[in-house]
Amino acid sequence: MRTRGRQISVLCILFVGAVLFAYGLFFHSTAISSGQDEDSAVYVQSEPALIREVSVGGLRRDESGQVQKTYTGQPPSACPT
């Protein structure tokens, strides 16, 4: 009986983890401005795409706290550091 309860507990934890993973992968996003001027285009980017952009040095925060791109056209191919 105890092993059945443990199995159910583990399955519940795995299910909750899978739901949170799906939420983070598909629904967690933020607005990015192109960084060209104050009237620049703003678009929404997913968290995995944001992580890639940050890893190559393609995003920064401006004085107002908004996230902006640091390049135009094709993204940098490698991390600047």
PDB file of N, CA and C in Angstrom:
ATOM      1  N   MET A   1       0.815  -1.194   0.000  1.00  0.00           N
ATOM      2  CA  MET A   1       0.000   0.000   0.000  1.00  0.00           C
ATOM      3  C   MET A   1       0.863   1.265   0.000  1.00  0.00           C
ATOM      4  N   ARG A   2       1.974   1.241   0.750  1.00  0.00           N
ATOM      5  CA  ARG A   2       2.839   2.419   0.803  1.00  0.00           C
ATOM      6  C   ARG A   2       3.502   2.683  -0.535  1.00  0.00           C
ATOM      7  N   THR A   3       3.863   1.612  -1.253  1.00  0.00           N
ATOM      8  CA  THR A   3       4.510   1.807  -2.547  1.00  0.00           C
ATOM      9  C   THR A   3       3.529   2.392  -3.553  1.00  0.00           C
ATOM     10  N   ARG A   4       2.266   2.043  -3.461  1.00  0.00           N
ATOM     11  CA  ARG A   4       1.254   2.615  -4.362  1.00  0.00           C
ATOM     12  C   ARG A   4       1.126   4.122  -4.120  1.00  0.00           C
ATOM     13  N   GLY A   5       1.142   4.538  -2.866  1.00  0.00           N
ATOM     14  CA  GLY A   5       1.080   5.958  -2.533  1.00  0.00           C
ATOM     15  C   GLY A   5       2.301   6.708  -3.025  1.00  0.00           C
ATOM     16  N   ARG A   6       3.467   6.092  -2.928  1.00  0.00           N
ATOM     17  CA  ARG A   6       4.692   6.721  -3.427  1.00  0.00           C
ATOM     18  C   ARG A   6       4.646   6.861  -4.944  1.00  0.00           C
ATOM     19  N   GLN A   7       4.145   5.840  -5.612  1.00  0.00           N
ATOM     20  CA  GLN A   7       4.040   5.902  -7.066  1.00  0.00           C
ATOM     21  C   GLN A   7       3.126   7.039  -7.497  1.00  0.00           C
ATOM     22  N   ILE A   8       2.003   7.178  -6.824  1.00  0.00           N
ATOM     23  CA  ILE A   8       1.066   8.252  -7.146  1.00  0.00           C
ATOM     24  C   ILE A   8       1.708   9.603  -6.870  1.00  0.00           C
ATOM     25  N   SER A   9       2.442   9.718  -5.764  1.00  0.00           N
ATOM     26  CA  SER A   9       3.121  10.978  -5.440  1.00  0.00           C
ATOM     27  C   SER A   9       4.149  11.337  -6.509  1.00  0.00           C
ATOM     28  N   VAL A  10       4.934  10.367  -6.922  1.00  0.00           N
ATOM     29  CA  VAL A  10       5.952  10.613  -7.952  1.00  0.00           C
ATOM     30  C   VAL A  10       5.299  11.006  -9.267  1.00  0.00           C
ATOM     31  N   LEU A  11       4.225  10.335  -9.648  1.00  0.00           N
ATOM     32  CA  LEU A  11       3.525  10.676 -10.883  1.00  0.00           C
ATOM     33  C   LEU A  11       2.929  12.080 -10.827  1.00  0.00           C
ATOM     34  N   CYS A  12       2.399  12.466  -9.674  1.00  0.00           N
ATOM     35  CA  CYS A  12       1.864  13.827  -9.517  1.00  0.00           C
ATOM     36  C   CYS A  12       2.975  14.865  -9.647  1.00  0.00           C
ATOM     37  N   ILE A  13       4.111  14.613  -9.031  1.00  0.00           N
ATOM     38  CA  ILE A  13       5.241  15.544  -9.114  1.00  0.00           C
ATOM     39  C   ILE A  13       5.740  15.646 -10.552  1.00  0.00           C
ATOM     40  N   LEU A  14       5.839  14.517 -11.247  1.00  0.00           N
ATOM     41  CA  LEU A  14       6.265  14.535 -12.646  1.00  0.00           C
ATOM     42  C   LEU A  14       5.279  15.292 -13.520  1.00  0.00           C
ATOM     43  N   PHE A  15       3.989  15.114 -13.275  1.00  0.00           N
ATOM     44  CA  PHE A  15       2.965  15.817 -14.042  1.00  0.00           C
ATOM     45  C   PHE A  15       3.053  17.324 -13.821  1.00  0.00           C
ATOM     46  N   VAL A  16       3.169  17.738 -12.574  1.00  0.00           N
ATOM     47  CA  VAL A  16       3.287  19.171 -12.271  1.00  0.00           C
ATOM     48  C   VAL A  16       4.559  19.740 -12.910  1.00  0.00           C
ATOM     49  N   GLY A  17       5.658  18.999 -12.855  1.00  0.00           N
ATOM     50  CA  GLY A  17       6.893  19.440 -13.488  1.00  0.00           C
ATOM     51  C   GLY A  17       6.746  19.586 -14.986  1.00  0.00           C
ATOM     52  N   ALA A  18       6.057  18.646 -15.619  1.00  0.00           N
ATOM     53  CA  ALA A  18       5.842  18.722 -17.067  1.00  0.00           C
ATOM     54  C   ALA A  18       4.970  19.917 -17.434  1.00  0.00           C
ATOM     55  N   VAL A  19       3.950  20.188 -16.621  1.00  0.00           N
ATOM     56  CA  VAL A  19       3.086  21.352 -16.878  1.00  0.00           C
ATOM     57  C   VAL A  19       3.880  22.643 -16.731  1.00  0.00           C
ATOM     58  N   LEU A  20       4.691  22.760 -15.694  1.00  0.00           N
ATOM     59  CA  LEU A  20       5.500  23.965 -15.514  1.00  0.00           C
ATOM     60  C   LEU A  20       6.533  24.122 -16.625  1.00  0.00           C
ATOM     61  N   PHE A  21       7.122  23.022 -17.070  1.00  0.00           N
ATOM     62  CA  PHE A  21       8.071  23.067 -18.180  1.00  0.00           C
ATOM     63  C   PHE A  21       7.386  23.562 -19.452  1.00  0.00           C
ATOM     64  N   ALA A  22       6.195  23.036 -19.746  1.00  0.00           N
ATOM     65  CA  ALA A  22       5.453  23.469 -20.930  1.00  0.00           C
ATOM     66  C   ALA A  22       5.083  24.947 -20.839  1.00  0.00           C
ATOM     67  N   TYR A  23       4.679  25.391 -19.665  1.00  0.00           N
ATOM     68  CA  TYR A  23       4.363  26.813 -19.480  1.00  0.00           C
ATOM     69  C   TYR A  23       5.587  27.676 -19.765  1.00  0.00           C
ATOM     70  N   GLY A  24       6.716  27.323 -19.204  1.00  0.00           N
ATOM     71  CA  GLY A  24       7.926  28.100 -19.428  1.00  0.00           C
ATOM     72  C   GLY A  24       8.380  28.074 -20.867  1.00  0.00           C
ATOM     73  N   LEU A  25       8.185  26.962 -21.529  1.00  0.00           N
ATOM     74  CA  LEU A  25       8.649  26.819 -22.906  1.00  0.00           C
ATOM     75  C   LEU A  25       7.743  27.539 -23.895  1.00  0.00           C
ATOM     76  N   PHE A  26       6.431  27.456 -23.682  1.00  0.00           N
ATOM     77  CA  PHE A  26       5.512  27.975 -24.690  1.00  0.00           C
ATOM     78  C   PHE A  26       4.841  29.304 -24.346  1.00  0.00           C
ATOM     79  N   PHE A  27       4.690  29.619 -23.074  1.00  0.00           N
ATOM     80  CA  PHE A  27       3.896  30.787 -22.722  1.00  0.00           C
ATOM     81  C   PHE A  27       4.683  31.904 -22.036  1.00  0.00           C
ATOM     82  N   HIS A  28       5.877  31.639 -21.590  1.00  0.00           N
ATOM     83  CA  HIS A  28       6.667  32.656 -20.908  1.00  0.00           C
ATOM     84  C   HIS A  28       7.418  33.465 -21.959  1.00  0.00           C
ATOM     85  N   SER A  29       7.098  34.721 -22.095  1.00  0.00           N
ATOM     86  CA  SER A  29       7.710  35.557 -23.108  1.00  0.00           C
ATOM     87  C   SER A  29       7.784  36.993 -22.596  1.00  0.00           C
ATOM     88  N   THR A  30       8.513  37.836 -23.319  1.00  0.00           N
ATOM     89  CA  THR A  30       8.627  39.235 -22.949  1.00  0.00           C
ATOM     90  C   THR A  30       8.695  40.080 -24.205  1.00  0.00           C
ATOM     91  N   ALA A  31       8.415  41.368 -24.068  1.00  0.00           N
ATOM     92  CA  ALA A  31       8.452  42.291 -25.199  1.00  0.00           C
ATOM     93  C   ALA A  31       9.871  42.812 -25.388  1.00  0.00           C
ATOM     94  N   ILE A  32      10.311  42.856 -26.639  1.00  0.00           N
ATOM     95  CA  ILE A  32      11.647  43.335 -27.005  1.00  0.00           C
ATOM     96  C   ILE A  32      11.485  44.476 -27.993  1.00  0.00           C
ATOM     97  N   SER A  33      12.199  45.575 -27.789  1.00  0.00           N
ATOM     98  CA  SER A  33      12.196  46.644 -28.784  1.00  0.00           C
ATOM     99  C   SER A  33      13.448  46.531 -29.632  1.00  0.00           C
ATOM    100  N   SER A  34      13.362  47.007 -30.873  1.00  0.00           N
ATOM    101  CA  SER A  34      14.474  46.835 -31.798  1.00  0.00           C
ATOM    102  C   SER A  34      15.670  47.703 -31.445  1.00  0.00           C
ATOM    103  N   GLY A  35      15.482  48.738 -30.639  1.00  0.00           N
ATOM    104  CA  GLY A  35      16.597  49.530 -30.154  1.00  0.00           C
ATOM    105  C   GLY A  35      17.093  50.600 -31.097  1.00  0.00           C
ATOM    106  N   GLN A  36      16.408  50.826 -32.198  1.00  0.00           N
ATOM    107  CA  GLN A  36      16.859  51.817 -33.167  1.00  0.00           C
ATOM    108  C   GLN A  36      16.521  53.240 -32.737  1.00  0.00           C
ATOM    109  N   ASP A  37      15.323  53.462 -32.296  1.00  0.00           N
ATOM    110  CA  ASP A  37      14.906  54.774 -31.807  1.00  0.00           C
ATOM    111  C   ASP A  37      13.773  54.583 -30.811  1.00  0.00           C
ATOM    112  N   GLU A  38      13.260  55.664 -30.288  1.00  0.00           N
ATOM    113  CA  GLU A  38      12.219  55.554 -29.267  1.00  0.00           C
ATOM    114  C   GLU A  38      10.904  55.025 -29.827  1.00  0.00           C
ATOM    115  N   ASP A  39      10.655  55.214 -31.120  1.00  0.00           N
ATOM    116  CA  ASP A  39       9.421  54.725 -31.739  1.00  0.00           C
ATOM    117  C   ASP A  39       9.645  53.389 -32.436  1.00  0.00           C
ATOM    118  N   SER A  40      10.641  52.630 -31.986  1.00  0.00           N
ATOM    119  CA  SER A  40      11.002  51.380 -32.651  1.00  0.00           C
ATOM    120  C   SER A  40       9.948  50.309 -32.447  1.00  0.00           C
ATOM    121  N   ALA A  41       9.982  49.324 -33.307  1.00  0.00           N
ATOM    122  CA  ALA A  41       9.020  48.224 -33.248  1.00  0.00           C
ATOM    123  C   ALA A  41       9.241  47.397 -31.992  1.00  0.00           C
ATOM    124  N   VAL A  42       8.161  46.936 -31.410  1.00  0.00           N
ATOM    125  CA  VAL A  42       8.207  46.085 -30.228  1.00  0.00           C
ATOM    126  C   VAL A  42       7.585  44.752 -30.609  1.00  0.00           C
ATOM    127  N   TYR A  43       8.245  43.657 -30.280  1.00  0.00           N
ATOM    128  CA  TYR A  43       7.704  42.338 -30.552  1.00  0.00           C
ATOM    129  C   TYR A  43       7.917  41.442 -29.353  1.00  0.00           C
ATOM    130  N   VAL A  44       7.208  40.338 -29.308  1.00  0.00           N
ATOM    131  CA  VAL A  44       7.253  39.403 -28.184  1.00  0.00           C
ATOM    132  C   VAL A  44       8.154  38.236 -28.555  1.00  0.00           C
ATOM    133  N   GLN A  45       9.032  37.854 -27.620  1.00  0.00           N
ATOM    134  CA  GLN A  45       9.966  36.768 -27.861  1.00  0.00           C
ATOM    135  C   GLN A  45       9.885  35.768 -26.707  1.00  0.00           C
ATOM    136  N   SER A  46       9.978  34.484 -27.022  1.00  0.00           N
ATOM    137  CA  SER A  46       9.869  33.442 -26.005  1.00  0.00           C
ATOM    138  C   SER A  46      11.129  33.382 -25.150  1.00  0.00           C
ATOM    139  N   GLU A  47      11.020  32.735 -24.005  1.00  0.00           N
ATOM    140  CA  GLU A  47      12.149  32.644 -23.085  1.00  0.00           C
ATOM    141  C   GLU A  47      13.350  31.899 -23.675  1.00  0.00           C
ATOM    142  N   PRO A  48      13.170  30.756 -24.376  1.00  0.00           N
ATOM    143  CA  PRO A  48      14.348  30.113 -24.980  1.00  0.00           C
ATOM    144  C   PRO A  48      15.051  31.004 -26.007  1.00  0.00           C
ATOM    145  N   ALA A  49      14.275  31.766 -26.774  1.00  0.00           N
ATOM    146  CA  ALA A  49      14.886  32.685 -27.734  1.00  0.00           C
ATOM    147  C   ALA A  49      15.620  33.812 -27.013  1.00  0.00           C
ATOM    148  N   LEU A  50      15.063  34.284 -25.897  1.00  0.00           N
ATOM    149  CA  LEU A  50      15.732  35.322 -25.110  1.00  0.00           C
ATOM    150  C   LEU A  50      17.061  34.825 -24.554  1.00  0.00           C
ATOM    151  N   ILE A  51      17.086  33.582 -24.092  1.00  0.00           N
ATOM    152  CA  ILE A  51      18.321  33.016 -23.541  1.00  0.00           C
ATOM    153  C   ILE A  51      19.385  32.959 -24.619  1.00  0.00           C
ATOM    154  N   ARG A  52      19.009  32.576 -25.839  1.00  0.00           N
ATOM    155  CA  ARG A  52      19.971  32.531 -26.941  1.00  0.00           C
ATOM    156  C   ARG A  52      20.486  33.936 -27.259  1.00  0.00           C
ATOM    157  N   GLU A  53      19.580  34.910 -27.310  1.00  0.00           N
ATOM    158  CA  GLU A  53      19.980  36.291 -27.606  1.00  0.00           C
ATOM    159  C   GLU A  53      20.946  36.829 -26.557  1.00  0.00           C
ATOM    160  N   VAL A  54      20.679  36.561 -25.299  1.00  0.00           N
ATOM    161  CA  VAL A  54      21.550  37.042 -24.226  1.00  0.00           C
ATOM    162  C   VAL A  54      22.907  36.362 -24.305  1.00  0.00           C
ATOM    163  N   SER A  55      22.922  35.079 -24.659  1.00  0.00           N
ATOM    164  CA  SER A  55      24.192  34.346 -24.703  1.00  0.00           C
ATOM    165  C   SER A  55      25.121  34.842 -25.792  1.00  0.00           C
ATOM    166  N   VAL A  56      24.605  35.459 -26.837  1.00  0.00           N
ATOM    167  CA  VAL A  56      25.471  36.012 -27.881  1.00  0.00           C
ATOM    168  C   VAL A  56      25.623  37.530 -27.749  1.00  0.00           C
ATOM    169  N   GLY A  57      25.124  38.091 -26.664  1.00  0.00           N
ATOM    170  CA  GLY A  57      25.286  39.530 -26.430  1.00  0.00           C
ATOM    171  C   GLY A  57      24.349  40.375 -27.248  1.00  0.00           C
ATOM    172  N   GLY A  58      23.181  39.852 -27.595  1.00  0.00           N
ATOM    173  CA  GLY A  58      22.268  40.567 -28.466  1.00  0.00           C
ATOM    174  C   GLY A  58      21.211  41.396 -27.768  1.00  0.00           C
ATOM    175  N   LEU A  59      21.155  41.383 -26.432  1.00  0.00           N
ATOM    176  CA  LEU A  59      20.148  42.139 -25.698  1.00  0.00           C
ATOM    177  C   LEU A  59      20.790  42.932 -24.578  1.00  0.00           C
ATOM    178  N   ARG A  60      20.162  44.066 -24.259  1.00  0.00           N
ATOM    179  CA  ARG A  60      20.594  44.869 -23.110  1.00  0.00           C
ATOM    180  C   ARG A  60      19.388  45.633 -22.592  1.00  0.00           C
ATOM    181  N   ARG A  61      19.488  46.108 -21.362  1.00  0.00           N
ATOM    182  CA  ARG A  61      18.425  46.943 -20.782  1.00  0.00           C
ATOM    183  C   ARG A  61      18.797  48.400 -20.972  1.00  0.00           C
ATOM    184  N   ASP A  62      17.818  49.220 -21.346  1.00  0.00           N
ATOM    185  CA  ASP A  62      18.073  50.649 -21.465  1.00  0.00           C
ATOM    186  C   ASP A  62      17.803  51.338 -20.128  1.00  0.00           C
ATOM    187  N   GLU A  63      17.879  52.658 -20.112  1.00  0.00           N
ATOM    188  CA  GLU A  63      17.725  53.416 -18.868  1.00  0.00           C
ATOM    189  C   GLU A  63      16.340  53.257 -18.254  1.00  0.00           C
ATOM    190  N   SER A  64      15.333  53.045 -19.099  1.00  0.00           N
ATOM    191  CA  SER A  64      13.977  52.910 -18.573  1.00  0.00           C
ATOM    192  C   SER A  64      13.654  51.483 -18.130  1.00  0.00           C
ATOM    193  N   GLY A  65      14.588  50.538 -18.331  1.00  0.00           N
ATOM    194  CA  GLY A  65      14.385  49.172 -17.891  1.00  0.00           C
ATOM    195  C   GLY A  65      13.835  48.248 -18.955  1.00  0.00           C
ATOM    196  N   GLN A  66      13.600  48.760 -20.169  1.00  0.00           N
ATOM    197  CA  GLN A  66      13.106  47.911 -21.243  1.00  0.00           C
ATOM    198  C   GLN A  66      14.260  47.145 -21.883  1.00  0.00           C
ATOM    199  N   VAL A  67      13.960  45.968 -22.406  1.00  0.00           N
ATOM    200  CA  VAL A  67      14.956  45.138 -23.068  1.00  0.00           C
ATOM    201  C   VAL A  67      15.034  45.553 -24.531  1.00  0.00           C
ATOM    202  N   GLN A  68      16.274  45.774 -25.036  1.00  0.00           N
ATOM    203  CA  GLN A  68      16.471  46.185 -26.424  1.00  0.00           C
ATOM    204  C   GLN A  68      17.508  45.308 -27.095  1.00  0.00           C
ATOM    205  N   LYS A  69      17.384  45.182 -28.420  1.00  0.00           N
ATOM    206  CA  LYS A  69      18.389  44.482 -29.209  1.00  0.00           C
ATOM    207  C   LYS A  69      19.615  45.375 -29.369  1.00  0.00           C
ATOM    208  N   THR A  70      20.787  44.761 -29.472  1.00  0.00           N
ATOM    209  CA  THR A  70      22.017  45.529 -29.656  1.00  0.00           C
ATOM    210  C   THR A  70      22.515  45.476 -31.087  1.00  0.00           C
ATOM    211  N   TYR A  71      21.767  44.870 -32.000  1.00  0.00           N
ATOM    212  CA  TYR A  71      22.216  44.727 -33.380  1.00  0.00           C
ATOM    213  C   TYR A  71      21.030  44.874 -34.326  1.00  0.00           C
ATOM    214  N   THR A  72      21.314  45.030 -35.610  1.00  0.00           N
ATOM    215  CA  THR A  72      20.293  45.001 -36.648  1.00  0.00           C
ATOM    216  C   THR A  72      20.662  43.909 -37.640  1.00  0.00           C
ATOM    217  N   GLY A  73      19.681  43.369 -38.319  1.00  0.00           N
ATOM    218  CA  GLY A  73      19.951  42.305 -39.280  1.00  0.00           C
ATOM    219  C   GLY A  73      20.199  40.972 -38.606  1.00  0.00           C
ATOM    220  N   GLN A  74      21.227  40.254 -39.066  1.00  0.00           N
ATOM    221  CA  GLN A  74      21.550  38.948 -38.514  1.00  0.00           C
ATOM    222  C   GLN A  74      22.155  39.068 -37.122  1.00  0.00           C
ATOM    223  N   PRO A  75      21.828  38.140 -36.207  1.00  0.00           N
ATOM    224  CA  PRO A  75      22.397  38.196 -34.853  1.00  0.00           C
ATOM    225  C   PRO A  75      23.873  37.841 -34.873  1.00  0.00           C
ATOM    226  N   PRO A  76      24.621  38.245 -33.847  1.00  0.00           N
ATOM    227  CA  PRO A  76      26.024  37.847 -33.744  1.00  0.00           C
ATOM    228  C   PRO A  76      26.140  36.333 -33.685  1.00  0.00           C
ATOM    229  N   SER A  77      27.260  35.805 -34.172  1.00  0.00           N
ATOM    230  CA  SER A  77      27.404  34.358 -34.241  1.00  0.00           C
ATOM    231  C   SER A  77      27.998  33.751 -32.980  1.00  0.00           C
ATOM    232  N   ALA A  78      28.647  34.552 -32.138  1.00  0.00           N
ATOM    233  CA  ALA A  78      29.273  34.016 -30.940  1.00  0.00           C
ATOM    234  C   ALA A  78      29.198  35.030 -29.815  1.00  0.00           C
ATOM    235  N   CYS A  79      29.409  34.560 -28.611  1.00  0.00           N
ATOM    236  CA  CYS A  79      29.422  35.416 -27.431  1.00  0.00           C
ATOM    237  C   CYS A  79      30.585  36.404 -27.522  1.00  0.00           C
ATOM    238  N   PRO A  80      30.368  37.701 -27.224  1.00  0.00           N
ATOM    239  CA  PRO A  80      31.456  38.669 -27.348  1.00  0.00           C
ATOM    240  C   PRO A  80      32.560  38.504 -26.316  1.00  0.00           C
ATOM    241  N   THR A  81      32.303  37.734 -25.266  1.00  0.00           N
ATOM    242  CA  THR A  81      33.341  37.544 -24.270  1.00  0.00           C
ATOM    243  C   THR A  81      34.053  36.272 -24.583  1.00  0.00           C
TER     244      THR A  81
END
